[in-house]
Amino acid sequence: MKKTIFIISGISLFLICAAQEEKFPEAEISNGLIKAHFYLPENGKGYYQGTRFDWSGIINSLEFKGHSYYGQWFAKYSPTAHDAVMGPVEEFGPLGYKEAKPGESFVKVGIGSLTKPDGSTYSSYKLYQFVNPGKWKINKKADQIQFIHTLDDQSYPYEYTKTIKLTKGKSQLVITHSLKNKGTKAIETDAYDHNFLIIDNEGTGPGYVVKFPVEVSGTGKGYGELYQFQGKQLTYLKAFAKSESIYCGGMQGIGNDPKDYDIRVENIKTGAGVRITCDRPALKMVFWSSSTTVCPEPYILIKAEPGKEFTWTITYDYYTFDIQK
């Protein structure tokens, strides 16, 4: 009997250790100033297998001058959870969903062809079945990483390239995108960067301030209680409880000019910040925060005619500043 118990205990210990040692495809880049760690896309093996966010560019940690900017903001992990992602991840609007009949396919860039299950409207929070996940190719250098996703789809075939590079001699990360339309239908949708920021593991509250180049306004869940707009800033009024979150579905004041796509998120307790800019204008600006992460969500319009290419670049400048006492 004791021998049987020993064997069972040994098997249990083995399974626990095996789970702890599970590795996902990963990579790291550095330019001597910034060090960033990625989870890489791979069908059936990658850290993220959901159908909401583009699989490429998941940064689970980035460090600069002893400060950290990203990390796990959610409590429970599952590879197919719609939001089990970290860093400056992006989501594209679905292509062909409205036109598709139940059982037919639609496309999400950076994910692949998916099945429309029924006559319900599209939901980012639903897990859809794959028809064709496409093919990923990854090219890596010491200071940059490139993701190429090729999808051979009847309606919306494409080649999507995302290159993430650390600028030499600067505390700067640049994300360059290219979407080539290889089909006969125009591609027109939107895309936004969720920017799951956690600067120095600071919980959401008065320790953060978010700055814009123009005066902004808006309302929504938690306004006046948890956050407010003051001129060119968004400020938090108190520390969030674990279950609290805010949502502003459309900030006012951001114009149709790339110069207005200019966001600074600062941790005023530790003196670390990041500036986010883009070479395309913001289609709209959404803002969301939970108790663990601060998320400005700028949208852009994506348009690529058959045989044409659409490009855009998002730049992150990480910096430090003196703390005011």
Protein backbone atom coordinates (compact mmCIF):
# COMPACT_ATOMS: atom_id res chain seq x y z
CA MET A 1 0.00 0.00 0.00
CA LYS A 2 2.77 2.41 0.92
CA LYS A 3 4.52 1.62 -2.35
CA THR A 4 1.36 2.44 -4.33
CA ILE A 5 0.96 5.76 -2.51
CA PHE A 6 4.60 6.58 -3.21
CA ILE A 7 4.20 5.87 -6.92
CA ILE A 8 1.03 7.99 -7.16
CA SER A 9 2.72 10.83 -5.26
CA GLY A 10 5.69 10.60 -7.58
CA ILE A 11 3.47 10.83 -10.66
CA SER A 12 1.63 13.84 -9.21
CA LEU A 13 4.92 15.60 -8.48
CA PHE A 14 6.11 14.88 -12.01
CA LEU A 15 2.93 16.37 -13.52
CA ILE A 16 3.22 19.50 -11.36
CA CYS A 17 6.87 19.99 -12.35
CA ALA A 18 6.07 19.39 -16.01
CA ALA A 19 3.35 22.07 -15.91
CA GLN A 20 5.70 24.53 -14.22
CA GLU A 21 8.37 23.88 -16.84
CA GLU A 22 6.02 24.42 -19.80
CA LYS A 23 7.63 26.81 -22.23
CA PHE A 24 6.02 28.99 -24.86
CA PRO A 25 7.83 30.18 -27.99
CA GLU A 26 9.61 33.36 -26.91
CA ALA A 27 12.31 35.84 -27.85
CA GLU A 28 14.16 38.84 -26.43
CA ILE A 29 15.60 41.95 -28.05
CA SER A 30 17.76 44.76 -26.67
CA ASN A 31 19.59 47.87 -27.84
CA GLY A 32 21.57 48.31 -24.62
CA LEU A 33 19.02 50.75 -23.18
CA ILE A 34 15.80 48.77 -23.48
CA LYS A 35 15.26 45.05 -23.03
CA ALA A 36 11.98 43.56 -24.25
CA HIS A 37 10.69 40.01 -23.97
CA PHE A 38 8.10 38.57 -26.39
CA TYR A 39 5.76 35.61 -26.61
CA LEU A 40 5.79 34.45 -30.23
CA PRO A 41 2.83 33.35 -32.36
CA GLU A 42 2.68 29.66 -33.20
CA ASN A 43 -0.39 27.64 -34.09
CA GLY A 44 -1.29 25.29 -31.24
CA LYS A 45 1.78 26.17 -29.16
CA GLY A 46 1.86 29.93 -28.64
CA TYR A 47 1.02 31.72 -25.40
CA TYR A 48 -2.06 33.30 -27.02
CA GLN A 49 -4.52 31.23 -29.05
CA GLY A 50 -7.54 33.54 -28.81
CA THR A 51 -9.51 35.09 -31.67
CA ARG A 52 -9.63 38.73 -30.55
CA PHE A 53 -6.11 40.18 -30.75
CA ASP A 54 -3.42 40.02 -33.43
CA TRP A 55 -1.12 37.19 -32.29
CA SER A 56 2.12 39.09 -32.99
CA GLY A 57 3.90 41.57 -30.75
CA ILE A 58 2.88 40.32 -27.30
CA ILE A 59 5.42 41.97 -24.97
CA ASN A 60 5.20 40.49 -21.50
CA SER A 61 8.05 42.60 -20.13
CA LEU A 62 9.98 45.72 -21.12
CA GLU A 63 12.61 47.34 -18.93
CA PHE A 64 14.30 50.73 -19.16
CA LYS A 65 16.54 52.32 -16.50
CA GLY A 66 15.25 49.94 -13.85
CA HIS A 67 11.61 50.69 -14.67
CA SER A 68 9.09 48.15 -16.02
CA TYR A 69 6.20 48.90 -18.37
CA TYR A 70 4.22 45.72 -19.10
CA GLY A 71 3.21 42.51 -17.39
CA GLN A 72 0.33 40.21 -16.56
CA TRP A 73 -2.61 42.44 -15.65
CA PHE A 74 -5.26 39.66 -15.57
CA ALA A 75 -5.82 37.20 -12.71
CA LYS A 76 -6.44 33.95 -14.59
CA TYR A 77 -4.64 32.69 -17.69
CA SER A 78 -5.94 30.53 -20.50
CA PRO A 79 -4.41 30.42 -24.01
CA THR A 80 -7.86 30.90 -25.55
CA ALA A 81 -9.06 33.70 -23.23
CA HIS A 82 -9.92 36.70 -25.40
CA ASP A 83 -7.77 39.14 -23.40
CA ALA A 84 -4.87 36.97 -22.13
CA VAL A 85 -2.38 39.36 -23.75
CA MET A 86 0.16 41.94 -22.63
CA GLY A 87 1.90 44.99 -24.02
CA PRO A 88 0.97 47.13 -27.05
CA VAL A 89 -1.27 44.51 -28.64
CA GLU A 90 -3.66 45.33 -31.50
CA GLU A 91 -7.09 44.23 -32.65
CA PHE A 92 -8.51 44.53 -36.17
CA GLY A 93 -12.19 44.73 -36.97
CA PRO A 94 -13.59 41.58 -38.66
CA LEU A 95 -13.67 41.34 -42.45
CA GLY A 96 -16.73 39.84 -44.11
CA TYR A 97 -18.60 38.92 -40.92
CA LYS A 98 -21.85 40.72 -41.77
CA GLU A 99 -21.94 39.22 -45.27
CA ALA A 100 -21.15 35.69 -44.13
CA LYS A 101 -23.96 33.23 -43.49
CA PRO A 102 -23.87 30.93 -40.45
CA GLY A 103 -21.25 28.26 -41.11
CA GLU A 104 -19.32 30.45 -43.56
CA SER A 105 -16.02 32.16 -42.80
CA PHE A 106 -14.80 35.66 -42.02
CA VAL A 107 -11.33 37.07 -41.45
CA LYS A 108 -9.44 38.80 -38.66
CA VAL A 109 -6.03 40.18 -39.56
CA GLY A 110 -3.22 38.66 -37.51
CA ILE A 111 -5.41 35.68 -36.58
CA GLY A 112 -6.82 34.01 -39.72
CA SER A 113 -10.10 32.75 -41.18
CA LEU A 114 -12.80 31.94 -38.63
CA THR A 115 -16.28 30.42 -38.71
CA LYS A 116 -19.41 32.50 -38.18
CA PRO A 117 -21.42 30.18 -35.92
CA ASP A 118 -24.88 31.70 -36.17
CA GLY A 119 -26.81 34.86 -37.00
CA SER A 120 -25.63 36.83 -33.95
CA THR A 121 -23.57 40.01 -34.26
CA TYR A 122 -19.79 39.80 -34.01
CA SER A 123 -18.32 39.87 -30.50
CA SER A 124 -14.66 40.41 -29.62
CA TYR A 125 -15.24 38.43 -26.44
CA LYS A 126 -16.34 35.21 -28.15
CA LEU A 127 -13.98 32.39 -29.15
CA TYR A 128 -14.53 31.46 -32.81
CA GLN A 129 -13.50 28.23 -34.52
CA PHE A 130 -10.61 28.34 -36.97
CA VAL A 131 -11.02 27.57 -40.65
CA ASN A 132 -7.49 28.58 -41.61
CA PRO A 133 -4.94 30.05 -39.15
CA GLY A 134 -2.58 31.09 -41.94
CA LYS A 135 1.19 30.83 -41.75
CA TRP A 136 3.61 32.72 -39.52
CA LYS A 137 7.23 33.54 -40.32
CA ILE A 138 9.48 35.21 -37.75
CA ASN A 139 12.78 36.97 -38.46
CA LYS A 140 14.86 38.08 -35.49
CA LYS A 141 17.94 40.23 -34.94
CA ALA A 142 19.51 41.42 -31.71
CA ASP A 143 17.52 44.66 -31.62
CA GLN A 144 14.41 43.82 -33.67
CA ILE A 145 11.88 41.15 -34.51
CA GLN A 146 9.67 40.80 -37.56
CA PHE A 147 6.40 38.88 -37.81
CA ILE A 148 4.90 37.95 -41.19
CA HIS A 149 1.42 36.46 -41.32
CA THR A 150 0.23 35.14 -44.68
CA LEU A 151 -3.39 34.12 -45.14
CA ASP A 152 -4.70 32.34 -48.22
CA ASP A 153 -8.41 33.10 -47.96
CA GLN A 154 -11.03 33.06 -50.73
CA SER A 155 -12.36 36.52 -49.92
CA TYR A 156 -9.59 38.40 -48.07
CA PRO A 157 -6.13 36.94 -48.70
CA TYR A 158 -3.33 39.12 -47.32
CA GLU A 159 0.26 39.41 -46.16
CA TYR A 160 0.59 41.24 -42.87
CA THR A 161 4.02 42.30 -41.62
CA LYS A 162 4.78 43.78 -38.22
CA THR A 163 8.35 44.81 -37.43
CA ILE A 164 9.26 45.85 -33.88
CA LYS A 165 12.63 47.58 -33.64
CA LEU A 166 14.55 49.28 -30.84
CA THR A 167 16.17 52.46 -32.17
CA LYS A 168 19.96 52.55 -31.83
CA GLY A 169 21.07 54.90 -29.06
CA LYS A 170 17.51 55.82 -28.03
CA SER A 171 15.00 54.59 -25.49
CA GLN A 172 12.56 54.10 -28.34
CA LEU A 173 10.55 51.20 -29.73
CA VAL A 174 9.06 51.49 -33.23
CA ILE A 175 6.31 49.22 -34.56
CA THR A 176 6.06 49.32 -38.37
CA HIS A 177 3.07 47.68 -40.04
CA SER A 178 2.31 46.65 -43.60
CA LEU A 179 -0.93 45.07 -44.84
CA LYS A 180 -0.83 43.85 -48.46
CA ASN A 181 -4.19 43.05 -50.03
CA LYS A 182 -3.67 39.98 -52.22
CA GLY A 183 -7.32 39.57 -53.16
CA THR A 184 -9.94 41.14 -55.40
CA LYS A 185 -12.02 42.79 -52.65
CA ALA A 186 -11.07 46.02 -50.93
CA ILE A 187 -9.99 45.69 -47.31
CA GLU A 188 -11.54 48.37 -45.13
CA THR A 189 -11.71 48.10 -41.36
CA ASP A 190 -10.30 49.70 -38.23
CA ALA A 191 -7.55 48.70 -35.84
CA TYR A 192 -6.63 49.88 -32.37
CA ASP A 193 -3.75 49.44 -29.97
CA HIS A 194 -4.93 48.43 -26.51
CA ASN A 195 -1.72 49.52 -24.72
CA PHE A 196 -1.89 47.40 -21.57
CA LEU A 197 0.42 49.61 -19.49
CA ILE A 198 1.58 48.70 -15.99
CA ILE A 199 4.38 51.10 -15.12
CA ASP A 200 6.47 49.81 -12.23
CA ASN A 201 3.58 47.56 -11.13
CA GLU A 202 1.60 50.57 -9.97
CA GLY A 203 -2.08 49.83 -9.44
CA THR A 204 -4.50 52.19 -11.19
CA GLY A 205 -5.13 55.38 -9.25
CA PRO A 206 -3.69 58.86 -8.53
CA GLY A 207 -0.17 57.55 -9.12
CA TYR A 208 -0.87 57.84 -12.87
CA VAL A 209 -1.54 60.80 -15.14
CA VAL A 210 -2.34 60.64 -18.86
CA LYS A 211 -1.51 63.63 -21.08
CA PHE A 212 -2.70 64.68 -24.55
CA PRO A 213 -1.59 67.47 -26.95
CA VAL A 214 -5.07 69.05 -26.98
CA GLU A 215 -7.87 69.66 -24.51
CA VAL A 216 -9.98 66.53 -24.15
CA SER A 217 -13.33 65.67 -22.65
CA GLY A 218 -15.69 62.75 -22.37
CA THR A 219 -17.82 60.70 -20.07
CA GLY A 220 -18.64 57.08 -19.37
CA LYS A 221 -18.39 54.42 -16.71
CA GLY A 222 -16.71 55.75 -13.56
CA TYR A 223 -16.49 59.36 -14.71
CA GLY A 224 -16.46 61.82 -11.82
CA GLU A 225 -15.97 59.04 -9.31
CA LEU A 226 -12.82 57.26 -10.47
CA TYR A 227 -11.42 59.60 -13.13
CA GLN A 228 -11.89 62.98 -14.77
CA PHE A 229 -10.62 65.11 -17.65
CA GLN A 230 -8.81 68.33 -16.79
CA GLY A 231 -7.77 70.37 -19.82
CA LYS A 232 -5.16 68.24 -21.63
CA GLN A 233 -5.05 65.53 -18.98
CA LEU A 234 -6.88 62.52 -17.62
CA THR A 235 -6.41 62.10 -13.90
CA TYR A 236 -7.52 59.39 -11.48
CA LEU A 237 -9.45 60.43 -8.39
CA LYS A 238 -8.74 57.44 -6.16
CA ALA A 239 -7.14 54.02 -6.14
CA PHE A 240 -9.31 51.41 -7.85
CA ALA A 241 -10.77 48.54 -5.90
CA LYS A 242 -10.05 45.10 -7.36
CA SER A 243 -13.40 44.90 -9.17
CA GLU A 244 -13.50 48.50 -10.42
CA SER A 245 -12.92 49.68 -13.98
CA ILE A 246 -13.64 52.70 -16.17
CA TYR A 247 -14.62 53.10 -19.81
CA CYS A 248 -14.89 56.12 -22.07
CA GLY A 249 -16.12 55.02 -25.50
CA GLY A 250 -15.18 58.17 -27.38
CA MET A 251 -13.01 61.02 -26.09
CA GLN A 252 -13.75 64.44 -27.56
CA GLY A 253 -11.07 66.86 -28.74
CA ILE A 254 -8.82 64.50 -30.70
CA GLY A 255 -8.76 65.80 -34.28
CA ASN A 256 -8.13 64.19 -37.66
CA ASP A 257 -4.42 64.97 -37.58
CA PRO A 258 -1.52 62.61 -36.74
CA LYS A 259 -0.24 65.31 -34.38
CA ASP A 260 -3.22 64.66 -32.13
CA TYR A 261 -2.25 60.98 -31.85
CA ASP A 262 0.20 61.82 -29.08
CA ILE A 263 -0.32 60.23 -25.67
CA ARG A 264 1.85 60.31 -22.56
CA VAL A 265 1.24 57.95 -19.65
CA GLU A 266 3.27 58.75 -16.55
CA ASN A 267 3.78 57.12 -13.17
CA ILE A 268 4.28 60.22 -11.02
CA LYS A 269 5.31 58.12 -8.02
CA THR A 270 8.33 56.49 -9.67
CA GLY A 271 9.18 59.05 -12.36
CA ALA A 272 8.72 56.83 -15.42
CA GLY A 273 6.65 57.49 -18.50
CA VAL A 274 6.02 56.59 -22.13
CA ARG A 275 5.00 58.71 -25.11
CA ILE A 276 2.93 57.03 -27.87
CA THR A 277 2.72 58.59 -31.35
CA CYS A 278 1.61 57.46 -34.81
CA ASP A 279 2.02 58.59 -38.43
CA ARG A 280 -1.74 58.13 -39.00
CA PRO A 281 -4.58 60.16 -37.46
CA ALA A 282 -6.74 58.65 -34.76
CA LEU A 283 -10.14 57.58 -36.04
CA LYS A 284 -11.34 57.75 -32.44
CA MET A 285 -9.90 57.52 -28.94
CA VAL A 286 -11.26 55.06 -26.38
CA PHE A 287 -10.04 54.84 -22.79
CA TRP A 288 -10.29 51.86 -20.44
CA SER A 289 -8.68 50.97 -17.14
CA SER A 290 -9.04 48.14 -14.69
CA SER A 291 -7.48 48.12 -11.25
CA THR A 292 -4.21 46.78 -12.71
CA THR A 293 -3.67 48.48 -16.07
CA VAL A 294 -4.00 51.85 -17.84
CA CYS A 295 -5.17 51.63 -21.45
CA PRO A 296 -5.51 54.50 -23.91
CA GLU A 297 -6.91 52.86 -27.07
CA PRO A 298 -6.39 54.92 -30.25
CA TYR A 299 -8.12 53.59 -33.40
CA ILE A 300 -6.98 54.13 -36.98
CA LEU A 301 -8.73 53.49 -40.30
CA ILE A 302 -7.29 50.67 -42.44
CA LYS A 303 -7.88 50.82 -46.21
CA ALA A 304 -6.16 48.68 -48.85
CA GLU A 305 -7.52 48.30 -52.37
CA PRO A 306 -6.94 45.03 -54.26
CA GLY A 307 -3.23 44.59 -54.96
CA LYS A 308 -2.34 47.59 -52.79
CA GLU A 309 -0.53 47.99 -49.47
CA PHE A 310 -1.46 50.01 -46.38
CA THR A 311 1.24 51.02 -43.90
CA TRP A 312 1.36 52.68 -40.49
CA THR A 313 3.92 53.17 -37.73
CA ILE A 314 3.46 53.53 -33.97
CA THR A 315 6.38 54.86 -31.92
CA TYR A 316 6.99 54.43 -28.19
CA ASP A 317 9.45 56.71 -26.41
CA TYR A 318 10.21 55.60 -22.86
CA TYR A 319 11.58 58.21 -20.45
CA THR A 320 12.18 59.19 -16.84
CA PHE A 321 11.59 62.46 -15.03
CA ASP A 322 12.15 64.03 -11.62
CA ILE A 323 9.46 63.26 -9.07
CA GLN A 324 7.75 66.35 -7.66
CA LYS A 325 7.61 66.38 -3.88
